[in-house]
Amino acid sequence: MRVAATVLCAAVTALVLSPTPALAHDALIASSPEDEQTLDSAPEEVRLTFSGRPMDVSTAVLVLDSESEAVATTEPLVEEHDVSVELPPEMADGGYAVRWRVVSSDGHPISGSFTFQVGEGGPPPPDLEAAPPMSPEEEDDTDAAAAPATAGLPREAVLSLVGALIGLLFYTAYLRFRNAAGRVPRPAGQIAPNETETR
């Protein structure tokens, strides 16, 4: 029984520490405007839709004009799977870029960017590779992605695994106690029914 408990402990530990596809980061599945979309007029907002529900913490959405200058927007609003920011009513024709950063539902930061065009003329969107980081946290995305997989485990899954392990340990202790209680010591010199006395 001790061997079984040891094997189960090792299996649970391996399950907790190993990454699994079920714990993949969320992904951007839709945006308005869409990437490289050309609009007749400026949009009222930028809306991002994710595969999971991002955490309402460290959320950033930056809209840049052709000169890589930030367009005034409201604070990002997180609603279910959507993140949105309102845009000013007057936006000149030309290209714009959107840079975004959210904390995925598994606790890891994810980020991305896309461009759109207002009107048929005007300057092109800015060069996103030359743009500065959106925030200090964005520079730490690589380190965060390399964090142990246990950081992404749902709390309920961890508690379930711990509960199962504790239950097994209690069951093992119960069996040992029952077996020990079932052994009745024999008086000295008494011969068990299945034993024969040897002289």
N, C-alpha and C. Protein backbone atom coordinates (compact mmCIF):
# COMPACT_ATOMS: atom_id res chain seq x y z
N MET A 1 0.83 -1.21 0.00
CA MET A 1 0.00 0.00 0.00
C MET A 1 0.87 1.26 0.00
N ARG A 2 1.99 1.18 0.70
CA ARG A 2 2.89 2.34 0.73
C ARG A 2 3.43 2.62 -0.67
N VAL A 3 3.70 1.52 -1.41
CA VAL A 3 4.21 1.70 -2.79
C VAL A 3 3.15 2.36 -3.66
N ALA A 4 1.89 1.96 -3.50
CA ALA A 4 0.81 2.55 -4.30
C ALA A 4 0.67 4.04 -4.02
N ALA A 5 0.76 4.41 -2.73
CA ALA A 5 0.65 5.82 -2.37
C ALA A 5 1.80 6.62 -2.96
N THR A 6 3.01 6.03 -2.94
CA THR A 6 4.16 6.72 -3.51
C THR A 6 4.01 6.93 -5.01
N VAL A 7 3.52 5.88 -5.69
CA VAL A 7 3.32 5.99 -7.14
C VAL A 7 2.28 7.04 -7.46
N LEU A 8 1.18 7.08 -6.68
CA LEU A 8 0.13 8.08 -6.94
C LEU A 8 0.65 9.49 -6.69
N CYS A 9 1.44 9.66 -5.63
CA CYS A 9 2.02 10.98 -5.36
C CYS A 9 2.88 11.44 -6.52
N ALA A 10 3.69 10.53 -7.06
CA ALA A 10 4.55 10.89 -8.19
C ALA A 10 3.73 11.23 -9.41
N ALA A 11 2.64 10.49 -9.64
CA ALA A 11 1.79 10.76 -10.81
C ALA A 11 1.11 12.11 -10.70
N VAL A 12 0.59 12.41 -9.49
CA VAL A 12 -0.06 13.71 -9.28
C VAL A 12 0.93 14.84 -9.46
N THR A 13 2.13 14.68 -8.91
CA THR A 13 3.16 15.71 -9.06
C THR A 13 3.51 15.94 -10.52
N ALA A 14 3.65 14.87 -11.29
CA ALA A 14 3.96 15.00 -12.71
C ALA A 14 2.83 15.69 -13.46
N LEU A 15 1.58 15.38 -13.08
CA LEU A 15 0.44 16.02 -13.74
C LEU A 15 0.40 17.50 -13.45
N VAL A 16 0.70 17.89 -12.22
CA VAL A 16 0.66 19.31 -11.84
C VAL A 16 1.77 20.09 -12.51
N LEU A 17 2.96 19.49 -12.60
CA LEU A 17 4.11 20.23 -13.10
C LEU A 17 4.26 20.19 -14.61
N SER A 18 3.53 19.34 -15.31
CA SER A 18 3.69 19.24 -16.75
C SER A 18 2.65 20.08 -17.45
N PRO A 19 3.04 20.79 -18.56
CA PRO A 19 2.06 21.59 -19.32
C PRO A 19 1.13 20.68 -20.09
N THR A 20 -0.12 21.13 -20.26
CA THR A 20 -1.11 20.38 -21.01
C THR A 20 -1.80 21.29 -22.00
N PRO A 21 -2.27 20.75 -23.15
CA PRO A 21 -2.95 21.58 -24.16
C PRO A 21 -4.18 22.27 -23.61
N ALA A 22 -4.82 21.69 -22.59
CA ALA A 22 -6.04 22.30 -22.05
C ALA A 22 -5.76 23.63 -21.38
N LEU A 23 -4.48 23.88 -21.06
CA LEU A 23 -4.14 25.10 -20.35
C LEU A 23 -3.52 26.13 -21.28
N ALA A 24 -3.81 26.04 -22.57
CA ALA A 24 -3.24 26.97 -23.53
C ALA A 24 -3.75 28.38 -23.26
N HIS A 25 -2.94 29.37 -23.64
CA HIS A 25 -3.33 30.76 -23.45
C HIS A 25 -4.54 31.07 -24.32
N ASP A 26 -5.28 32.11 -23.92
CA ASP A 26 -6.37 32.60 -24.77
C ASP A 26 -5.78 33.21 -26.04
N ALA A 27 -6.65 33.41 -27.03
CA ALA A 27 -6.21 33.98 -28.30
C ALA A 27 -7.24 35.00 -28.76
N LEU A 28 -6.76 36.00 -29.51
CA LEU A 28 -7.66 36.97 -30.14
C LEU A 28 -8.36 36.28 -31.30
N ILE A 29 -9.68 36.22 -31.26
CA ILE A 29 -10.42 35.52 -32.32
C ILE A 29 -11.16 36.49 -33.24
N ALA A 30 -11.31 37.74 -32.84
CA ALA A 30 -12.00 38.72 -33.70
C ALA A 30 -11.66 40.12 -33.22
N SER A 31 -11.75 41.06 -34.14
CA SER A 31 -11.54 42.47 -33.78
C SER A 31 -12.40 43.35 -34.66
N SER A 32 -12.73 44.51 -34.14
CA SER A 32 -13.46 45.52 -34.90
C SER A 32 -12.81 46.87 -34.62
N PRO A 33 -12.17 47.45 -35.67
CA PRO A 33 -12.04 47.00 -37.05
C PRO A 33 -11.22 45.72 -37.17
N GLU A 34 -11.35 45.06 -38.31
CA GLU A 34 -10.56 43.88 -38.58
C GLU A 34 -9.16 44.28 -39.04
N ASP A 35 -8.25 43.34 -38.99
CA ASP A 35 -6.88 43.60 -39.42
C ASP A 35 -6.85 43.98 -40.90
N GLU A 36 -6.18 45.11 -41.19
CA GLU A 36 -6.00 45.63 -42.56
C GLU A 36 -7.32 46.03 -43.22
N GLN A 37 -8.35 46.26 -42.42
CA GLN A 37 -9.63 46.69 -42.98
C GLN A 37 -9.59 48.17 -43.33
N THR A 38 -10.24 48.54 -44.44
CA THR A 38 -10.37 49.94 -44.84
C THR A 38 -11.79 50.41 -44.56
N LEU A 39 -11.91 51.48 -43.77
CA LEU A 39 -13.21 52.00 -43.37
C LEU A 39 -13.50 53.31 -44.08
N ASP A 40 -14.77 53.55 -44.39
CA ASP A 40 -15.15 54.81 -45.00
C ASP A 40 -15.02 55.98 -44.03
N SER A 41 -15.27 55.72 -42.76
CA SER A 41 -15.17 56.76 -41.74
C SER A 41 -14.55 56.16 -40.48
N ALA A 42 -14.14 57.03 -39.59
CA ALA A 42 -13.47 56.58 -38.37
C ALA A 42 -14.42 55.77 -37.51
N PRO A 43 -13.97 54.69 -36.91
CA PRO A 43 -14.83 53.89 -36.03
C PRO A 43 -15.04 54.59 -34.69
N GLU A 44 -16.11 54.25 -34.03
CA GLU A 44 -16.39 54.82 -32.72
C GLU A 44 -15.60 54.13 -31.62
N GLU A 45 -15.16 52.90 -31.86
CA GLU A 45 -14.44 52.16 -30.85
C GLU A 45 -13.58 51.09 -31.51
N VAL A 46 -12.67 50.58 -30.73
CA VAL A 46 -11.92 49.37 -31.09
C VAL A 46 -12.35 48.29 -30.12
N ARG A 47 -12.78 47.15 -30.66
CA ARG A 47 -13.27 46.05 -29.82
C ARG A 47 -12.49 44.78 -30.16
N LEU A 48 -12.01 44.11 -29.14
CA LEU A 48 -11.26 42.87 -29.28
C LEU A 48 -12.04 41.74 -28.61
N THR A 49 -12.13 40.60 -29.28
CA THR A 49 -12.83 39.44 -28.74
C THR A 49 -11.85 38.29 -28.61
N PHE A 50 -11.80 37.69 -27.41
CA PHE A 50 -10.85 36.63 -27.12
C PHE A 50 -11.56 35.30 -26.93
N SER A 51 -10.78 34.22 -27.06
CA SER A 51 -11.35 32.87 -26.92
C SER A 51 -11.72 32.58 -25.47
N GLY A 52 -11.08 33.23 -24.52
CA GLY A 52 -11.41 33.09 -23.11
C GLY A 52 -11.75 34.44 -22.51
N ARG A 53 -12.01 34.46 -21.22
CA ARG A 53 -12.36 35.70 -20.54
C ARG A 53 -11.09 36.28 -19.91
N PRO A 54 -10.54 37.35 -20.50
CA PRO A 54 -9.32 37.93 -19.93
C PRO A 54 -9.57 38.53 -18.57
N MET A 55 -8.51 38.53 -17.75
CA MET A 55 -8.61 39.14 -16.43
C MET A 55 -8.63 40.66 -16.56
N ASP A 56 -9.38 41.29 -15.68
CA ASP A 56 -9.48 42.75 -15.70
C ASP A 56 -8.33 43.35 -14.91
N VAL A 57 -7.11 43.13 -15.39
CA VAL A 57 -5.91 43.63 -14.73
C VAL A 57 -4.82 43.81 -15.78
N SER A 58 -4.11 44.94 -15.70
CA SER A 58 -3.01 45.24 -16.62
C SER A 58 -3.45 45.22 -18.08
N THR A 59 -4.71 45.57 -18.34
CA THR A 59 -5.22 45.61 -19.71
C THR A 59 -4.80 46.92 -20.37
N ALA A 60 -4.31 46.84 -21.61
CA ALA A 60 -3.90 48.04 -22.34
C ALA A 60 -4.25 47.89 -23.81
N VAL A 61 -4.84 48.92 -24.37
CA VAL A 61 -5.13 49.00 -25.80
C VAL A 61 -4.65 50.36 -26.28
N LEU A 62 -3.69 50.36 -27.19
CA LEU A 62 -3.08 51.60 -27.68
C LEU A 62 -3.35 51.74 -29.16
N VAL A 63 -3.92 52.87 -29.57
CA VAL A 63 -4.19 53.16 -30.98
C VAL A 63 -3.20 54.24 -31.43
N LEU A 64 -2.41 53.93 -32.46
CA LEU A 64 -1.37 54.83 -32.95
C LEU A 64 -1.72 55.34 -34.34
N ASP A 65 -1.43 56.62 -34.58
CA ASP A 65 -1.64 57.16 -35.93
C ASP A 65 -0.40 56.89 -36.78
N SER A 66 -0.35 57.46 -37.96
CA SER A 66 0.75 57.18 -38.90
C SER A 66 2.09 57.67 -38.38
N GLU A 67 2.10 58.58 -37.43
CA GLU A 67 3.34 59.11 -36.86
C GLU A 67 3.71 58.40 -35.55
N SER A 68 3.02 57.28 -35.28
CA SER A 68 3.24 56.51 -34.05
C SER A 68 2.86 57.30 -32.80
N GLU A 69 1.98 58.30 -32.98
CA GLU A 69 1.47 59.05 -31.85
C GLU A 69 0.17 58.41 -31.36
N ALA A 70 0.02 58.35 -30.06
CA ALA A 70 -1.17 57.71 -29.50
C ALA A 70 -2.41 58.55 -29.74
N VAL A 71 -3.46 57.92 -30.19
CA VAL A 71 -4.75 58.57 -30.35
C VAL A 71 -5.47 58.47 -29.01
N ALA A 72 -6.03 59.58 -28.56
CA ALA A 72 -6.70 59.60 -27.25
C ALA A 72 -7.84 58.60 -27.23
N THR A 73 -7.84 57.73 -26.24
CA THR A 73 -8.90 56.75 -26.07
C THR A 73 -9.29 56.69 -24.61
N THR A 74 -10.39 56.01 -24.34
CA THR A 74 -10.80 55.79 -22.96
C THR A 74 -10.02 54.62 -22.36
N GLU A 75 -10.21 54.41 -21.07
CA GLU A 75 -9.61 53.24 -20.43
C GLU A 75 -10.26 51.97 -20.99
N PRO A 76 -9.48 50.90 -21.19
CA PRO A 76 -10.06 49.66 -21.72
C PRO A 76 -11.18 49.14 -20.82
N LEU A 77 -12.26 48.71 -21.46
CA LEU A 77 -13.40 48.14 -20.75
C LEU A 77 -13.43 46.65 -21.02
N VAL A 78 -13.38 45.84 -19.96
CA VAL A 78 -13.41 44.38 -20.08
C VAL A 78 -14.80 43.89 -19.76
N GLU A 79 -15.44 43.24 -20.74
CA GLU A 79 -16.79 42.69 -20.58
C GLU A 79 -16.80 41.28 -21.15
N GLU A 80 -16.93 40.29 -20.25
CA GLU A 80 -16.93 38.90 -20.68
C GLU A 80 -15.66 38.60 -21.50
N HIS A 81 -15.82 38.24 -22.77
CA HIS A 81 -14.68 37.92 -23.63
C HIS A 81 -14.19 39.13 -24.42
N ASP A 82 -14.81 40.29 -24.25
CA ASP A 82 -14.49 41.46 -25.06
C ASP A 82 -13.71 42.51 -24.26
N VAL A 83 -12.83 43.20 -24.98
CA VAL A 83 -12.12 44.36 -24.45
C VAL A 83 -12.31 45.48 -25.47
N SER A 84 -12.73 46.66 -25.01
CA SER A 84 -13.00 47.74 -25.94
C SER A 84 -12.50 49.07 -25.41
N VAL A 85 -12.21 49.98 -26.34
CA VAL A 85 -11.88 51.37 -26.01
C VAL A 85 -12.61 52.27 -27.00
N GLU A 86 -13.07 53.41 -26.52
CA GLU A 86 -13.73 54.38 -27.39
C GLU A 86 -12.69 55.27 -28.05
N LEU A 87 -13.00 55.70 -29.27
CA LEU A 87 -12.10 56.56 -30.05
C LEU A 87 -12.67 57.96 -30.15
N PRO A 88 -11.80 58.95 -30.35
CA PRO A 88 -12.30 60.33 -30.50
C PRO A 88 -13.12 60.46 -31.79
N PRO A 89 -14.08 61.38 -31.82
CA PRO A 89 -14.96 61.49 -32.99
C PRO A 89 -14.25 61.95 -34.25
N GLU A 90 -13.16 62.70 -34.12
CA GLU A 90 -12.47 63.22 -35.31
C GLU A 90 -11.11 62.53 -35.44
N MET A 91 -11.01 61.68 -36.43
CA MET A 91 -9.76 61.00 -36.74
C MET A 91 -9.47 61.22 -38.21
N ALA A 92 -8.29 61.70 -38.51
CA ALA A 92 -7.93 62.01 -39.90
C ALA A 92 -7.83 60.73 -40.72
N ASP A 93 -8.03 60.89 -42.04
CA ASP A 93 -7.85 59.74 -42.93
C ASP A 93 -6.40 59.28 -42.89
N GLY A 94 -6.23 58.00 -42.99
CA GLY A 94 -4.89 57.43 -42.97
C GLY A 94 -4.86 56.10 -42.26
N GLY A 95 -3.65 55.60 -42.09
CA GLY A 95 -3.49 54.30 -41.47
C GLY A 95 -3.30 54.40 -39.96
N TYR A 96 -3.82 53.42 -39.24
CA TYR A 96 -3.71 53.35 -37.79
C TYR A 96 -3.28 51.94 -37.38
N ALA A 97 -2.67 51.88 -36.25
CA ALA A 97 -2.27 50.59 -35.70
C ALA A 97 -2.83 50.45 -34.30
N VAL A 98 -3.19 49.24 -33.95
CA VAL A 98 -3.71 48.92 -32.62
C VAL A 98 -2.74 47.94 -31.97
N ARG A 99 -2.27 48.29 -30.80
CA ARG A 99 -1.46 47.39 -30.00
C ARG A 99 -2.23 47.07 -28.73
N TRP A 100 -2.30 45.82 -28.39
CA TRP A 100 -3.09 45.43 -27.23
C TRP A 100 -2.30 44.46 -26.35
N ARG A 101 -2.68 44.46 -25.08
CA ARG A 101 -2.09 43.55 -24.11
C ARG A 101 -3.13 43.25 -23.04
N VAL A 102 -3.36 41.96 -22.78
CA VAL A 102 -4.30 41.54 -21.74
C VAL A 102 -3.66 40.40 -20.95
N VAL A 103 -4.23 40.12 -19.80
CA VAL A 103 -3.82 38.96 -19.02
C VAL A 103 -4.82 37.84 -19.32
N SER A 104 -4.30 36.77 -19.90
CA SER A 104 -5.13 35.65 -20.29
C SER A 104 -5.82 35.04 -19.09
N SER A 105 -6.89 34.29 -19.32
CA SER A 105 -7.64 33.68 -18.22
C SER A 105 -6.80 32.67 -17.45
N ASP A 106 -5.68 32.20 -18.04
CA ASP A 106 -4.79 31.27 -17.32
C ASP A 106 -3.73 32.01 -16.53
N GLY A 107 -3.81 33.36 -16.52
CA GLY A 107 -2.88 34.15 -15.71
C GLY A 107 -1.65 34.63 -16.44
N HIS A 108 -1.48 34.31 -17.71
CA HIS A 108 -0.31 34.73 -18.46
C HIS A 108 -0.66 35.93 -19.35
N PRO A 109 0.22 36.91 -19.47
CA PRO A 109 -0.03 38.04 -20.36
C PRO A 109 0.14 37.64 -21.82
N ILE A 110 -0.73 38.13 -22.66
CA ILE A 110 -0.62 37.94 -24.10
C ILE A 110 -0.77 39.30 -24.77
N SER A 111 -0.20 39.46 -25.94
CA SER A 111 -0.25 40.75 -26.62
C SER A 111 -0.24 40.54 -28.13
N GLY A 112 -0.57 41.60 -28.85
CA GLY A 112 -0.57 41.52 -30.30
C GLY A 112 -0.83 42.89 -30.90
N SER A 113 -0.96 42.94 -32.20
CA SER A 113 -1.19 44.20 -32.89
C SER A 113 -1.84 43.95 -34.24
N PHE A 114 -2.48 44.97 -34.78
CA PHE A 114 -3.03 44.91 -36.13
C PHE A 114 -3.21 46.34 -36.63
N THR A 115 -3.52 46.49 -37.89
CA THR A 115 -3.66 47.81 -38.50
C THR A 115 -5.02 47.94 -39.20
N PHE A 116 -5.44 49.18 -39.39
CA PHE A 116 -6.63 49.46 -40.19
C PHE A 116 -6.46 50.82 -40.85
N GLN A 117 -7.29 51.09 -41.83
CA GLN A 117 -7.20 52.32 -42.62
C GLN A 117 -8.52 53.06 -42.56
N VAL A 118 -8.44 54.38 -42.39
CA VAL A 118 -9.62 55.23 -42.44
C VAL A 118 -9.56 56.02 -43.74
N GLY A 119 -10.56 55.88 -44.60
CA GLY A 119 -10.56 56.57 -45.89
C GLY A 119 -9.63 55.91 -46.89
N GLU A 120 -9.67 56.39 -48.10
CA GLU A 120 -8.85 55.82 -49.17
C GLU A 120 -7.47 56.45 -49.25
N GLY A 121 -7.33 57.67 -48.76
CA GLY A 121 -6.04 58.35 -48.84
C GLY A 121 -5.36 58.43 -47.49
N GLY A 122 -4.40 59.34 -47.41
CA GLY A 122 -3.70 59.54 -46.15
C GLY A 122 -2.47 58.66 -46.03
N PRO A 123 -1.65 58.92 -45.03
CA PRO A 123 -0.41 58.17 -44.83
C PRO A 123 -0.69 56.74 -44.39
N PRO A 124 0.27 55.85 -44.57
CA PRO A 124 0.08 54.45 -44.18
C PRO A 124 0.17 54.27 -42.67
N PRO A 125 -0.16 53.09 -42.17
CA PRO A 125 -0.04 52.83 -40.73
C PRO A 125 1.41 52.91 -40.28
N PRO A 126 1.65 53.13 -39.01
CA PRO A 126 3.01 53.24 -38.50
C PRO A 126 3.73 51.89 -38.50
N ASP A 127 5.05 51.96 -38.39
CA ASP A 127 5.87 50.76 -38.31
C ASP A 127 5.82 50.26 -36.87
N LEU A 128 5.16 49.15 -36.65
CA LEU A 128 4.98 48.65 -35.29
C LEU A 128 6.29 48.14 -34.70
N GLU A 129 7.20 47.66 -35.53
CA GLU A 129 8.46 47.15 -35.00
C GLU A 129 9.31 48.26 -34.40
N ALA A 130 9.12 49.50 -34.91
CA ALA A 130 9.90 50.62 -34.40
C ALA A 130 9.22 51.32 -33.23
N ALA A 131 8.01 50.94 -32.93
CA ALA A 131 7.28 51.60 -31.84
C ALA A 131 7.82 51.15 -30.49
N PRO A 132 7.82 52.02 -29.50
CA PRO A 132 8.30 51.64 -28.16
C PRO A 132 7.31 50.69 -27.49
N PRO A 133 7.76 49.99 -26.42
CA PRO A 133 6.85 49.09 -25.70
C PRO A 133 5.65 49.85 -25.15
N MET A 134 4.54 49.18 -25.10
CA MET A 134 3.31 49.79 -24.61
C MET A 134 3.40 50.10 -23.12
N SER A 135 4.07 49.21 -22.37
CA SER A 135 4.21 49.37 -20.93
C SER A 135 5.39 48.53 -20.48
N PRO A 136 5.92 48.78 -19.30
CA PRO A 136 7.04 47.96 -18.81
C PRO A 136 6.68 46.47 -18.74
N GLU A 137 5.40 46.17 -18.46
CA GLU A 137 5.03 44.78 -18.35
C GLU A 137 5.17 44.05 -19.68
N GLU A 138 5.03 44.78 -20.80
CA GLU A 138 5.10 44.14 -22.09
C GLU A 138 6.48 43.56 -22.34
N GLU A 139 7.51 44.17 -21.76
CA GLU A 139 8.85 43.67 -21.94
C GLU A 139 9.06 42.37 -21.18
N ASP A 140 8.20 42.08 -20.21
CA ASP A 140 8.34 40.88 -19.41
C ASP A 140 7.49 39.73 -19.93
N ASP A 141 6.86 39.89 -21.11
CA ASP A 141 5.99 38.85 -21.62
C ASP A 141 6.74 37.54 -21.82
N THR A 142 7.97 37.61 -22.32
CA THR A 142 8.72 36.40 -22.58
C THR A 142 9.00 35.66 -21.29
N ASP A 143 9.39 36.39 -20.24
CA ASP A 143 9.66 35.75 -18.96
C ASP A 143 8.39 35.14 -18.38
N ALA A 144 7.28 35.84 -18.53
CA ALA A 144 6.02 35.32 -18.00
C ALA A 144 5.61 34.05 -18.73
N ALA A 145 5.83 34.01 -20.05
CA ALA A 145 5.46 32.83 -20.81
C ALA A 145 6.30 31.63 -20.41
N ALA A 146 7.50 31.88 -19.88
CA ALA A 146 8.37 30.79 -19.46
C ALA A 146 8.15 30.37 -18.03
N ALA A 147 7.16 30.93 -17.35
CA ALA A 147 6.88 30.60 -15.96
C ALA A 147 6.40 29.16 -15.86
N PRO A 148 6.51 28.54 -14.69
CA PRO A 148 6.07 27.16 -14.53
C PRO A 148 4.62 26.98 -14.91
N ALA A 149 4.31 25.82 -15.46
CA ALA A 149 2.94 25.56 -15.91
C ALA A 149 1.96 25.55 -14.77
N THR A 150 2.43 25.36 -13.53
CA THR A 150 1.51 25.35 -12.40
C THR A 150 0.84 26.69 -12.21
N ALA A 151 1.47 27.78 -12.71
CA ALA A 151 0.84 29.09 -12.57
C ALA A 151 -0.43 29.18 -13.37
N GLY A 152 -0.54 28.34 -14.43
CA GLY A 152 -1.72 28.39 -15.26
C GLY A 152 -2.80 27.40 -14.87
N LEU A 153 -2.50 26.52 -13.90
CA LEU A 153 -3.51 25.55 -13.51
C LEU A 153 -4.68 26.24 -12.82
N PRO A 154 -5.90 25.89 -13.21
CA PRO A 154 -7.05 26.43 -12.50
C PRO A 154 -7.00 26.04 -11.04
N ARG A 155 -7.43 26.93 -10.17
CA ARG A 155 -7.38 26.67 -8.73
C ARG A 155 -8.21 25.45 -8.37
N GLU A 156 -9.35 25.25 -9.05
CA GLU A 156 -10.20 24.11 -8.74
C GLU A 156 -9.49 22.79 -9.05
N ALA A 157 -8.70 22.75 -10.14
CA ALA A 157 -8.00 21.52 -10.50
C ALA A 157 -6.94 21.18 -9.46
N VAL A 158 -6.21 22.20 -9.01
CA VAL A 158 -5.19 21.97 -8.00
C VAL A 158 -5.82 21.46 -6.71
N LEU A 159 -6.92 22.08 -6.28
CA LEU A 159 -7.58 21.65 -5.05
C LEU A 159 -8.13 20.23 -5.17
N SER A 160 -8.62 19.87 -6.36
CA SER A 160 -9.13 18.52 -6.56
C SER A 160 -8.02 17.49 -6.44
N LEU A 161 -6.86 17.80 -7.04
CA LEU A 161 -5.73 16.88 -6.96
C LEU A 161 -5.25 16.72 -5.53
N VAL A 162 -5.15 17.84 -4.81
CA VAL A 162 -4.71 17.77 -3.41
C VAL A 162 -5.71 16.99 -2.58
N GLY A 163 -7.00 17.22 -2.81
CA GLY A 163 -8.03 16.50 -2.07
C GLY A 163 -7.97 15.00 -2.32
N ALA A 164 -7.73 14.62 -3.59
CA ALA A 164 -7.63 13.19 -3.91
C ALA A 164 -6.44 12.55 -3.21
N LEU A 165 -5.34 13.27 -3.17
CA LEU A 165 -4.14 12.75 -2.52
C LEU A 165 -4.36 12.59 -1.01
N ILE A 166 -4.97 13.59 -0.38
CA ILE A 166 -5.25 13.50 1.06
C ILE A 166 -6.20 12.35 1.34
N GLY A 167 -7.21 12.17 0.49
CA GLY A 167 -8.15 11.07 0.68
C GLY A 167 -7.46 9.72 0.60
N LEU A 168 -6.53 9.58 -0.33
CA LEU A 168 -5.80 8.32 -0.45
C LEU A 168 -4.95 8.05 0.79
N LEU A 169 -4.30 9.10 1.30
CA LEU A 169 -3.48 8.91 2.49
C LEU A 169 -4.32 8.50 3.69
N PHE A 170 -5.50 9.10 3.85
CA PHE A 170 -6.38 8.71 4.94
C PHE A 170 -6.86 7.28 4.78
N TYR A 171 -7.17 6.88 3.54
CA TYR A 171 -7.63 5.51 3.28
C TYR A 171 -6.52 4.52 3.58
N THR A 172 -5.29 4.86 3.20
CA THR A 172 -4.16 3.99 3.49
C THR A 172 -3.96 3.84 4.99
N ALA A 173 -4.06 4.94 5.73
CA ALA A 173 -3.92 4.88 7.19
C ALA A 173 -5.03 4.03 7.80
N TYR A 174 -6.25 4.13 7.26
CA TYR A 174 -7.37 3.34 7.78
C TYR A 174 -7.13 1.85 7.58
N LEU A 175 -6.65 1.46 6.40
CA LEU A 175 -6.38 0.05 6.14
C LEU A 175 -5.30 -0.50 7.06
N ARG A 176 -4.27 0.29 7.28
CA ARG A 176 -3.19 -0.16 8.17
C ARG A 176 -3.72 -0.32 9.59
N PHE A 177 -4.56 0.62 10.04
CA PHE A 177 -5.13 0.54 11.38
C PHE A 177 -6.03 -0.68 11.51
N ARG A 178 -6.83 -0.96 10.50
CA ARG A 178 -7.74 -2.10 10.54
C ARG A 178 -6.98 -3.41 10.58
N ASN A 179 -5.93 -3.50 9.76
CA ASN A 179 -5.12 -4.72 9.75
C ASN A 179 -4.42 -4.93 11.08
N ALA A 180 -3.92 -3.83 11.66
CA ALA A 180 -3.25 -3.94 12.95
C ALA A 180 -4.21 -4.35 14.05
N ALA A 181 -5.45 -3.82 14.01
CA ALA A 181 -6.44 -4.16 15.03
C ALA A 181 -6.90 -5.60 14.90
N GLY A 182 -6.82 -6.18 13.70
CA GLY A 182 -7.26 -7.55 13.48
C GLY A 182 -6.27 -8.59 13.94
N ARG A 183 -5.07 -8.19 14.23
CA ARG A 183 -4.06 -9.14 14.70
C ARG A 183 -4.16 -9.27 16.23
N VAL A 184 -4.56 -10.43 16.69
CA VAL A 184 -4.69 -10.68 18.13
C VAL A 184 -3.45 -11.44 18.59
N PRO A 185 -2.69 -10.91 19.50
CA PRO A 185 -1.47 -11.60 19.94
C PRO A 185 -1.80 -12.91 20.66
N ARG A 186 -1.02 -13.98 20.37
CA ARG A 186 -1.22 -15.29 20.99
C ARG A 186 -0.41 -15.39 22.28
N PRO A 187 -0.98 -16.02 23.27
CA PRO A 187 -0.20 -16.24 24.50
C PRO A 187 1.03 -17.07 24.21
N ALA A 188 2.05 -16.88 25.00
CA ALA A 188 3.29 -17.62 24.79
C ALA A 188 3.05 -19.11 24.90
N GLY A 189 3.56 -19.84 23.95
CA GLY A 189 3.45 -21.28 23.97
C GLY A 189 2.22 -21.82 23.29
N GLN A 190 1.26 -20.97 22.92
CA GLN A 190 0.04 -21.44 22.25
C GLN A 190 0.34 -21.74 20.80
N ILE A 191 -0.20 -22.83 20.31
CA ILE A 191 0.04 -23.24 18.92
C ILE A 191 -1.20 -22.88 18.10
N ALA A 192 -0.98 -22.22 16.98
CA ALA A 192 -2.08 -21.86 16.10
C ALA A 192 -2.68 -23.11 15.49
N PRO A 193 -3.97 -23.06 15.07
CA PRO A 193 -4.63 -24.25 14.51
C PRO A 193 -3.88 -24.83 13.32
N ASN A 194 -3.25 -24.02 12.52
CA ASN A 194 -2.58 -24.50 11.32
C ASN A 194 -1.13 -24.88 11.56
N GLU A 195 -0.69 -24.80 12.80
CA GLU A 195 0.69 -25.11 13.10
C GLU A 195 0.78 -26.46 13.82
N THR A 196 1.86 -27.10 13.66
CA THR A 196 2.12 -28.37 14.35
C THR A 196 3.32 -28.19 15.24
N GLU A 197 3.24 -28.81 16.38
CA GLU A 197 4.34 -28.67 17.34
C GLU A 197 5.51 -29.55 16.91
N THR A 198 6.64 -28.99 16.91
CA THR A 198 7.83 -29.73 16.57
C THR A 198 8.69 -29.89 17.81
N ARG A 199 9.25 -31.05 17.94
CA ARG A 199 10.07 -31.32 19.11
C ARG A 199 11.50 -31.61 18.66
